[in-house]
Amino acid sequence: MSSELIHARRFIIKIGSSLITDRGRGLDQAALARWVTQIVALRALGREVIVVSSGAIAEGMQRLGWKQRPRALHELQAAASVGQMGLIEAYETGFRKHGLLTSQVLLTHEDMADRKRYLNARSTLRTLLALKVIPIINENDTVATEEIRFGDNDTLAALVTNLVEADALVILTDQAGLYTADPRKDPGATLVRQADAGDPGLEAMAGGAGSDIGLGGMLTKVLAAKRASRSGAHTAIASGQEADVLVRLASGEAIGTLLRAATPPLAARKQWLAAQLQVRGTLILDAGAVKAVREQCKSLLPVGVLAVEGSFERGEVVTCKDESGVECARGLVNYNALDARRIVKTPSSEIEAKLGYVDEPELIHRDNLVVL
């Protein structure tokens, strides 16, 4: 039994392309109907549900008569635009038969990166849940570009988990769960039943590409679980081929891999900071600064910064790395890149002498800094 999911009230359910499409030949209506039935059963148990669903591009390919997934961005956007119509129509028709309303929510990274848009999305989703509506979320592939797209719906599902402070993320896939190695190559690989979401050893176990229809491999799922754990959510990675898998998971049955959130939830503002997929620059910290930030929860002072990389403005999100290149934190920087370069290795008392002015004594204040 898994008590973590028994007590979860708000679920984010990510359904991969392989589970709702007919081997890439458009939507599998029968499979989609089974997912609808399971989600209706979850709702009957008093659980709130948000669905993050793939399948738009595959459905678009079928409608356009394309046999292979295109590589050109504009063709992918066109397929997503055509296929999203069918995807939402199928969900809306299925849930309406059970007397439930659905909504379509399309997101890009810009919606998460901009604080105002982030809060607007958060408020909208919470309102939909309060109205007993089931949001169906997908990436807005129609307008997303390489610079602003999430890249896979595992990541999107984790960000939505943080956004609405869900209790559980369920990632449904065509695999039984996370194995100690790729079972297709290593016959000795065993299924990981439970682990802490932040365990760095999990990333070494995961790997391999997704199918030719979807994008996500097991690594994206492990990283999604790590991201979801920042808001206190547990993640289940399970096979969508298991009968009634959603209801069984919610009832505490051990299916697939459970990655537990071992750390306390972050405050909402720091969740947003930690969730940023794109950062504008990098600060390289010396060992003392890394210790002060990571172990002592102190602000980042310019004296502990060795180098500045990238171009950014005051108030933008930057990442902090140690001298070996390992990310340790990220936050909202108090100085632009040009001025930050001028005050690295400088005590705060000398900032004004270097710049002719002083905004803040810290490069990043601890309230705007999240340790990773």
Protein backbone atom coordinates (compact mmCIF):
# COMPACT_ATOMS: atom_id res chain seq x y z
CA MET A 1 0.00 0.00 0.00
CA SER A 2 1.10 3.57 -0.72
CA SER A 3 -0.38 6.00 1.80
CA GLU A 4 1.05 9.04 -0.05
CA LEU A 5 -1.54 8.87 -2.83
CA ILE A 6 -4.42 7.74 -0.60
CA HIS A 7 -4.40 11.17 1.05
CA ALA A 8 -3.85 13.17 -2.15
CA ARG A 9 -6.81 15.40 -2.99
CA ARG A 10 -5.58 17.21 -6.10
CA PHE A 11 -4.16 15.14 -8.94
CA ILE A 12 -2.31 16.16 -12.10
CA ILE A 13 -2.58 13.31 -14.61
CA LYS A 14 -0.25 13.29 -17.60
CA ILE A 15 -1.30 11.02 -20.44
CA GLY A 16 1.31 10.32 -23.10
CA SER A 17 0.72 10.13 -26.85
CA SER A 18 1.21 6.39 -26.98
CA LEU A 19 -1.74 5.87 -24.61
CA ILE A 20 -4.39 7.79 -26.55
CA THR A 21 -3.29 7.42 -30.16
CA ASP A 22 -3.47 4.43 -32.46
CA ARG A 23 0.28 4.03 -32.95
CA GLY A 24 0.41 7.58 -34.17
CA ARG A 25 -2.53 7.15 -36.55
CA GLY A 26 -4.74 9.68 -34.84
CA LEU A 27 -6.68 9.37 -31.61
CA ASP A 28 -7.69 6.00 -30.23
CA GLN A 29 -11.24 6.86 -29.26
CA ALA A 30 -11.74 3.68 -27.23
CA ALA A 31 -8.57 4.30 -25.19
CA LEU A 32 -9.54 7.91 -24.59
CA ALA A 33 -12.99 6.80 -23.41
CA ARG A 34 -11.35 4.49 -20.87
CA TRP A 35 -9.30 7.40 -19.47
CA VAL A 36 -12.43 9.49 -19.21
CA THR A 37 -14.17 6.71 -17.27
CA GLN A 38 -11.27 6.43 -14.82
CA ILE A 39 -11.08 10.18 -14.27
CA VAL A 40 -14.83 10.27 -13.65
CA ALA A 41 -14.30 7.56 -11.01
CA LEU A 42 -11.59 9.67 -9.38
CA ARG A 43 -13.95 12.62 -9.27
CA ALA A 44 -16.58 10.41 -7.63
CA LEU A 45 -14.02 9.69 -4.90
CA GLY A 46 -13.81 13.42 -4.18
CA ARG A 47 -10.49 14.03 -5.96
CA GLU A 48 -9.77 17.13 -8.04
CA VAL A 49 -8.23 16.36 -11.42
CA ILE A 50 -6.30 18.31 -14.04
CA VAL A 51 -5.33 16.44 -17.21
CA VAL A 52 -2.15 17.19 -19.15
CA SER A 53 -2.68 15.42 -22.43
CA SER A 54 -0.46 14.79 -25.40
CA GLY A 55 -1.84 13.66 -28.74
CA ALA A 56 -2.56 16.87 -30.67
CA ILE A 57 0.30 16.50 -33.13
CA ALA A 58 -0.43 12.81 -33.71
CA GLU A 59 -4.09 13.58 -34.38
CA GLY A 60 -3.11 16.45 -36.66
CA MET A 61 -0.78 14.18 -38.61
CA GLN A 62 -3.63 11.73 -39.15
CA ARG A 63 -6.04 14.44 -40.28
CA LEU A 64 -3.46 15.88 -42.66
CA GLY A 65 -2.54 12.47 -44.02
CA TRP A 66 1.09 12.63 -42.87
CA LYS A 67 2.80 9.30 -42.21
CA GLN A 68 5.89 10.59 -40.38
CA ARG A 69 6.29 13.23 -37.68
CA PRO A 70 7.63 16.39 -39.37
CA ARG A 71 10.78 18.11 -38.17
CA ALA A 72 10.13 21.65 -39.40
CA LEU A 73 8.73 23.79 -36.60
CA HIS A 74 6.04 25.41 -38.76
CA GLU A 75 4.78 21.98 -39.84
CA LEU A 76 4.66 20.77 -36.23
CA GLN A 77 2.73 23.92 -35.32
CA ALA A 78 0.28 23.30 -38.16
CA ALA A 79 -0.26 19.68 -37.10
CA ALA A 80 -0.80 20.77 -33.50
CA SER A 81 -3.33 23.38 -34.56
CA VAL A 82 -5.35 20.87 -36.59
CA GLY A 83 -5.03 18.05 -34.05
CA GLN A 84 -5.87 20.09 -30.96
CA MET A 85 -9.38 20.52 -32.32
CA GLY A 86 -9.91 16.78 -32.40
CA LEU A 87 -8.21 16.17 -29.05
CA ILE A 88 -10.39 18.62 -27.14
CA GLU A 89 -13.52 17.56 -29.01
CA ALA A 90 -12.90 13.95 -27.95
CA TYR A 91 -12.37 14.86 -24.27
CA GLU A 92 -15.33 17.24 -24.22
CA THR A 93 -17.64 14.65 -25.78
CA GLY A 94 -16.47 11.93 -23.40
CA PHE A 95 -16.88 13.93 -20.19
CA ARG A 96 -20.18 15.46 -21.29
CA LYS A 97 -21.67 11.95 -21.38
CA HIS A 98 -20.98 11.84 -17.62
CA GLY A 99 -22.40 15.31 -16.99
CA LEU A 100 -18.99 16.92 -16.47
CA LEU A 101 -17.65 20.12 -18.02
CA THR A 102 -14.15 20.46 -19.45
CA SER A 103 -11.98 23.40 -20.43
CA GLN A 104 -9.05 23.81 -22.78
CA VAL A 105 -5.91 25.48 -21.39
CA LEU A 106 -2.91 25.98 -23.68
CA LEU A 107 0.33 27.16 -22.10
CA THR A 108 3.77 28.26 -23.22
CA HIS A 109 6.88 28.85 -21.15
CA GLU A 110 6.23 32.59 -21.33
CA ASP A 111 3.07 32.01 -19.30
CA MET A 112 5.23 30.53 -16.54
CA ALA A 113 8.19 32.90 -16.85
CA ASP A 114 6.16 36.09 -16.53
CA ARG A 115 5.05 36.52 -12.93
CA LYS A 116 1.76 38.23 -13.81
CA ARG A 117 0.81 35.60 -16.40
CA TYR A 118 1.87 32.87 -13.96
CA LEU A 119 -0.49 34.20 -11.31
CA ASN A 120 -3.29 34.63 -13.87
CA ALA A 121 -2.91 31.00 -14.98
CA ARG A 122 -2.87 29.89 -11.35
CA SER A 123 -6.07 31.80 -10.57
CA THR A 124 -7.84 30.50 -13.68
CA LEU A 125 -7.02 26.86 -12.94
CA ARG A 126 -8.03 27.16 -9.30
CA THR A 127 -11.32 28.75 -10.33
CA LEU A 128 -11.99 25.97 -12.83
CA LEU A 129 -11.40 23.36 -10.12
CA ALA A 130 -13.72 25.21 -7.74
CA LEU A 131 -16.39 25.13 -10.47
CA LYS A 132 -15.95 21.34 -10.78
CA VAL A 133 -14.58 21.70 -14.31
CA ILE A 134 -11.86 19.35 -15.58
CA PRO A 135 -9.08 21.38 -17.27
CA ILE A 136 -7.40 19.69 -20.24
CA ILE A 137 -3.93 21.20 -20.62
CA ASN A 138 -1.48 20.98 -23.48
CA GLU A 139 1.47 23.00 -24.64
CA ASN A 140 0.47 25.72 -27.06
CA ASP A 141 2.48 24.18 -29.90
CA THR A 142 0.73 26.39 -32.43
CA VAL A 143 2.61 29.49 -31.28
CA ALA A 144 5.51 28.04 -29.27
CA THR A 145 9.00 28.41 -30.72
CA GLU A 146 12.20 26.56 -29.87
CA GLU A 147 13.11 29.30 -27.42
CA ILE A 148 9.90 29.21 -25.39
CA ARG A 149 8.54 25.66 -25.66
CA PHE A 150 8.54 23.16 -22.78
CA GLY A 151 9.66 20.37 -25.11
CA ASP A 152 7.71 17.59 -23.46
CA ASN A 153 4.51 17.28 -21.49
CA ASP A 154 6.25 15.63 -18.53
CA THR A 155 7.88 18.98 -17.78
CA LEU A 156 4.64 20.83 -18.41
CA ALA A 157 2.78 18.52 -16.02
CA ALA A 158 5.36 19.16 -13.29
CA LEU A 159 5.08 22.92 -13.75
CA VAL A 160 1.29 22.70 -13.52
CA THR A 161 1.72 20.63 -10.35
CA ASN A 162 3.76 23.47 -8.85
CA LEU A 163 1.38 26.08 -10.24
CA VAL A 164 -1.73 24.76 -8.47
CA GLU A 165 0.10 23.11 -5.55
CA ALA A 166 -1.27 19.67 -6.39
CA ASP A 167 -0.73 16.76 -4.02
CA ALA A 168 0.13 14.16 -6.63
CA LEU A 169 1.46 13.92 -10.17
CA VAL A 170 0.67 10.74 -12.09
CA ILE A 171 2.73 10.22 -15.25
CA LEU A 172 1.20 7.50 -17.38
CA THR A 173 3.46 5.88 -19.92
CA ASP A 174 3.89 2.70 -21.95
CA GLN A 175 6.54 1.45 -19.50
CA ALA A 176 5.94 -0.26 -16.15
CA GLY A 177 7.86 2.46 -14.34
CA LEU A 178 11.48 3.41 -13.67
CA TYR A 179 14.01 0.59 -13.87
CA THR A 180 17.52 0.47 -12.47
CA ALA A 181 18.70 0.35 -16.10
CA ASP A 182 17.13 0.23 -19.55
CA PRO A 183 15.27 -3.12 -19.52
CA ARG A 184 15.46 -3.28 -23.30
CA LYS A 185 19.23 -3.51 -23.07
CA ASP A 186 19.89 -4.95 -19.60
CA PRO A 187 18.00 -8.16 -18.71
CA GLY A 188 19.06 -7.70 -15.09
CA ALA A 189 17.25 -4.38 -14.71
CA THR A 190 14.69 -4.27 -11.90
CA LEU A 191 11.73 -1.98 -11.29
CA VAL A 192 12.26 0.80 -8.74
CA ARG A 193 9.22 0.62 -6.47
CA GLN A 194 9.86 3.65 -4.26
CA ALA A 195 12.51 6.34 -3.96
CA ASP A 196 12.95 9.98 -3.01
CA ALA A 197 12.24 12.29 -5.95
CA GLY A 198 15.44 14.26 -5.39
CA ASP A 199 17.76 11.24 -5.33
CA PRO A 200 20.51 12.07 -7.87
CA GLY A 201 20.99 8.38 -8.57
CA LEU A 202 17.61 8.26 -10.31
CA GLU A 203 18.85 10.41 -13.17
CA ALA A 204 21.68 7.95 -13.80
CA MET A 205 19.16 5.11 -14.00
CA ALA A 206 16.87 6.95 -16.41
CA GLY A 207 17.60 7.61 -20.05
CA GLY A 208 16.71 6.68 -23.59
CA ALA A 209 14.55 8.44 -26.11
CA GLY A 210 10.80 8.37 -26.36
CA SER A 211 8.79 6.94 -29.21
CA ASP A 212 8.67 8.43 -32.70
CA ILE A 213 5.28 9.92 -31.79
CA GLY A 214 6.09 11.39 -28.36
CA LEU A 215 9.14 13.23 -27.09
CA GLY A 216 9.61 12.26 -23.47
CA GLY A 217 11.90 9.50 -22.26
CA MET A 218 12.23 8.22 -18.70
CA LEU A 219 14.73 10.94 -17.82
CA THR A 220 12.15 13.67 -18.44
CA LYS A 221 9.82 11.84 -16.05
CA VAL A 222 12.44 11.61 -13.30
CA LEU A 223 13.23 15.31 -13.69
CA ALA A 224 9.52 16.12 -13.67
CA ALA A 225 9.13 14.24 -10.38
CA LYS A 226 12.03 16.20 -8.92
CA ARG A 227 10.43 19.45 -10.01
CA ALA A 228 6.98 18.45 -8.70
CA SER A 229 8.47 17.54 -5.32
CA ARG A 230 9.41 21.19 -4.77
CA SER A 231 5.75 21.92 -4.06
CA GLY A 232 5.39 18.79 -1.92
CA ALA A 233 3.80 16.58 -4.58
CA HIS A 234 4.51 12.86 -4.85
CA THR A 235 4.89 11.40 -8.34
CA ALA A 236 3.77 8.02 -9.63
CA ILE A 237 5.22 6.76 -12.91
CA ALA A 238 3.04 3.90 -14.05
CA SER A 239 1.96 1.94 -17.09
CA GLY A 240 -1.19 3.13 -18.75
CA GLN A 241 -1.82 -0.45 -19.79
CA GLU A 242 -2.70 -1.41 -16.21
CA ALA A 243 -6.45 -1.84 -15.73
CA ASP A 244 -8.07 0.99 -13.72
CA VAL A 245 -4.61 2.29 -12.90
CA LEU A 246 -5.78 5.72 -11.72
CA VAL A 247 -8.34 4.48 -9.22
CA ARG A 248 -5.97 1.80 -7.95
CA LEU A 249 -3.18 4.34 -7.42
CA ALA A 250 -5.53 6.71 -5.62
CA SER A 251 -6.61 3.80 -3.42
CA GLY A 252 -3.01 3.25 -2.34
CA GLU A 253 -2.10 0.26 -4.50
CA ALA A 254 1.60 0.08 -5.32
CA ILE A 255 1.82 0.26 -9.12
CA GLY A 256 4.90 1.30 -11.06
CA THR A 257 7.32 3.70 -9.37
CA LEU A 258 6.48 6.11 -6.57
CA LEU A 259 8.89 9.03 -6.22
CA ARG A 260 8.21 10.71 -2.90
CA ALA A 261 8.56 14.38 -2.09
CA ALA A 262 11.08 14.17 0.73
CA THR A 263 11.48 17.90 1.33
CA PRO A 264 8.97 20.47 2.67
CA PRO A 265 7.04 22.44 0.03
CA LEU A 266 8.60 25.68 -1.15
CA ALA A 267 6.73 28.93 -0.77
CA ALA A 268 4.73 29.87 -3.86
CA ARG A 269 7.15 32.60 -4.97
CA LYS A 270 10.13 30.28 -4.72
CA GLN A 271 8.23 27.56 -6.56
CA TRP A 272 7.92 29.99 -9.42
CA LEU A 273 11.62 30.79 -9.34
CA ALA A 274 12.59 27.12 -9.21
CA ALA A 275 10.25 26.32 -12.08
CA GLN A 276 11.92 28.69 -14.54
CA LEU A 277 13.18 26.63 -17.48
CA GLN A 278 14.92 29.56 -19.09
CA VAL A 279 17.37 31.80 -17.28
CA ARG A 280 18.99 34.93 -18.63
CA GLY A 281 22.46 34.48 -17.26
CA THR A 282 24.80 32.61 -14.93
CA LEU A 283 26.73 33.60 -11.83
CA ILE A 284 29.77 31.46 -10.95
CA LEU A 285 30.17 31.24 -7.15
CA ASP A 286 33.20 30.45 -5.05
CA ALA A 287 33.02 27.70 -2.43
CA GLY A 288 32.26 30.12 0.39
CA ALA A 289 29.31 31.63 -1.43
CA VAL A 290 27.94 28.20 -2.34
CA LYS A 291 28.05 27.21 1.33
CA ALA A 292 26.45 30.50 2.46
CA VAL A 293 23.61 30.15 -0.04
CA ARG A 294 23.01 26.40 0.21
CA GLU A 295 23.68 25.63 3.87
CA GLN A 296 23.17 28.95 5.66
CA CYS A 297 20.26 30.33 3.57
CA LYS A 298 22.04 33.67 3.14
CA SER A 299 21.79 36.25 0.38
CA LEU A 300 24.29 36.14 -2.46
CA LEU A 301 26.84 38.94 -2.12
CA PRO A 302 29.02 40.12 -5.02
CA VAL A 303 32.20 39.28 -3.11
CA GLY A 304 31.41 35.57 -3.51
CA VAL A 305 30.88 35.72 -7.27
CA LEU A 306 33.82 34.80 -9.50
CA ALA A 307 32.34 35.44 -12.93
CA VAL A 308 29.19 36.53 -14.78
CA GLU A 309 27.95 34.90 -17.98
CA GLY A 310 25.19 35.98 -20.34
CA SER A 311 23.19 39.15 -20.81
CA PHE A 312 20.43 40.07 -18.39
CA GLU A 313 18.64 43.05 -16.89
CA ARG A 314 17.91 43.87 -13.27
CA GLY A 315 15.10 41.69 -11.93
CA GLU A 316 15.54 38.82 -14.37
CA VAL A 317 16.11 35.20 -13.38
CA VAL A 318 19.71 33.97 -13.32
CA THR A 319 21.22 30.67 -12.28
CA CYS A 320 24.01 30.22 -9.75
CA LYS A 321 26.63 27.53 -10.28
CA ASP A 322 29.68 26.35 -8.40
CA GLU A 323 33.13 26.32 -10.00
CA SER A 324 32.53 22.85 -11.46
CA GLY A 325 29.39 24.02 -13.25
CA VAL A 326 26.80 22.39 -10.96
CA GLU A 327 23.69 24.53 -10.46
CA CYS A 328 23.06 25.28 -6.80
CA ALA A 329 20.46 28.06 -6.89
CA ARG A 330 18.62 30.60 -8.99
CA GLY A 331 17.01 33.91 -8.28
CA LEU A 332 16.11 37.45 -9.28
CA VAL A 333 19.25 39.50 -9.76
CA ASN A 334 19.54 43.08 -8.43
CA TYR A 335 21.97 44.35 -11.09
CA ASN A 336 22.20 44.00 -14.85
CA ALA A 337 24.94 41.89 -16.41
CA LEU A 338 27.25 44.81 -17.20
CA ASP A 339 27.20 46.17 -13.66
CA ALA A 340 27.32 42.69 -12.13
CA ARG A 341 30.59 42.03 -13.99
CA ARG A 342 32.05 45.24 -12.57
CA ILE A 343 31.35 44.29 -8.95
CA VAL A 344 32.27 40.59 -8.85
CA LYS A 345 34.69 39.74 -6.04
CA THR A 346 33.81 43.12 -4.50
CA PRO A 347 32.67 43.69 -0.89
CA SER A 348 29.21 45.27 -0.70
CA SER A 349 30.71 48.36 0.93
CA GLU A 350 32.63 49.08 -2.29
CA ILE A 351 29.74 48.75 -4.77
CA GLU A 352 29.09 52.49 -4.89
CA ALA A 353 32.76 53.22 -5.52
CA LYS A 354 32.74 50.81 -8.49
CA LEU A 355 29.39 51.78 -10.02
CA GLY A 356 28.76 55.31 -8.81
CA TYR A 357 25.54 54.12 -7.22
CA VAL A 358 24.21 51.27 -5.11
CA ASP A 359 20.78 49.67 -5.45
CA GLU A 360 21.16 46.76 -3.06
CA PRO A 361 24.11 45.33 -1.09
CA GLU A 362 23.29 41.85 -2.47
CA LEU A 363 23.41 40.54 -5.99
CA ILE A 364 20.44 38.34 -5.06
CA HIS A 365 18.49 38.76 -1.82
CA ARG A 366 17.66 35.54 0.02
CA ASP A 367 13.91 36.23 -0.38
CA ASN A 368 14.41 36.09 -4.15
CA LEU A 369 16.75 33.09 -4.10
CA VAL A 370 15.83 29.42 -4.21
CA VAL A 371 18.31 26.64 -3.51
CA LEU A 372 18.18 23.70 -5.92
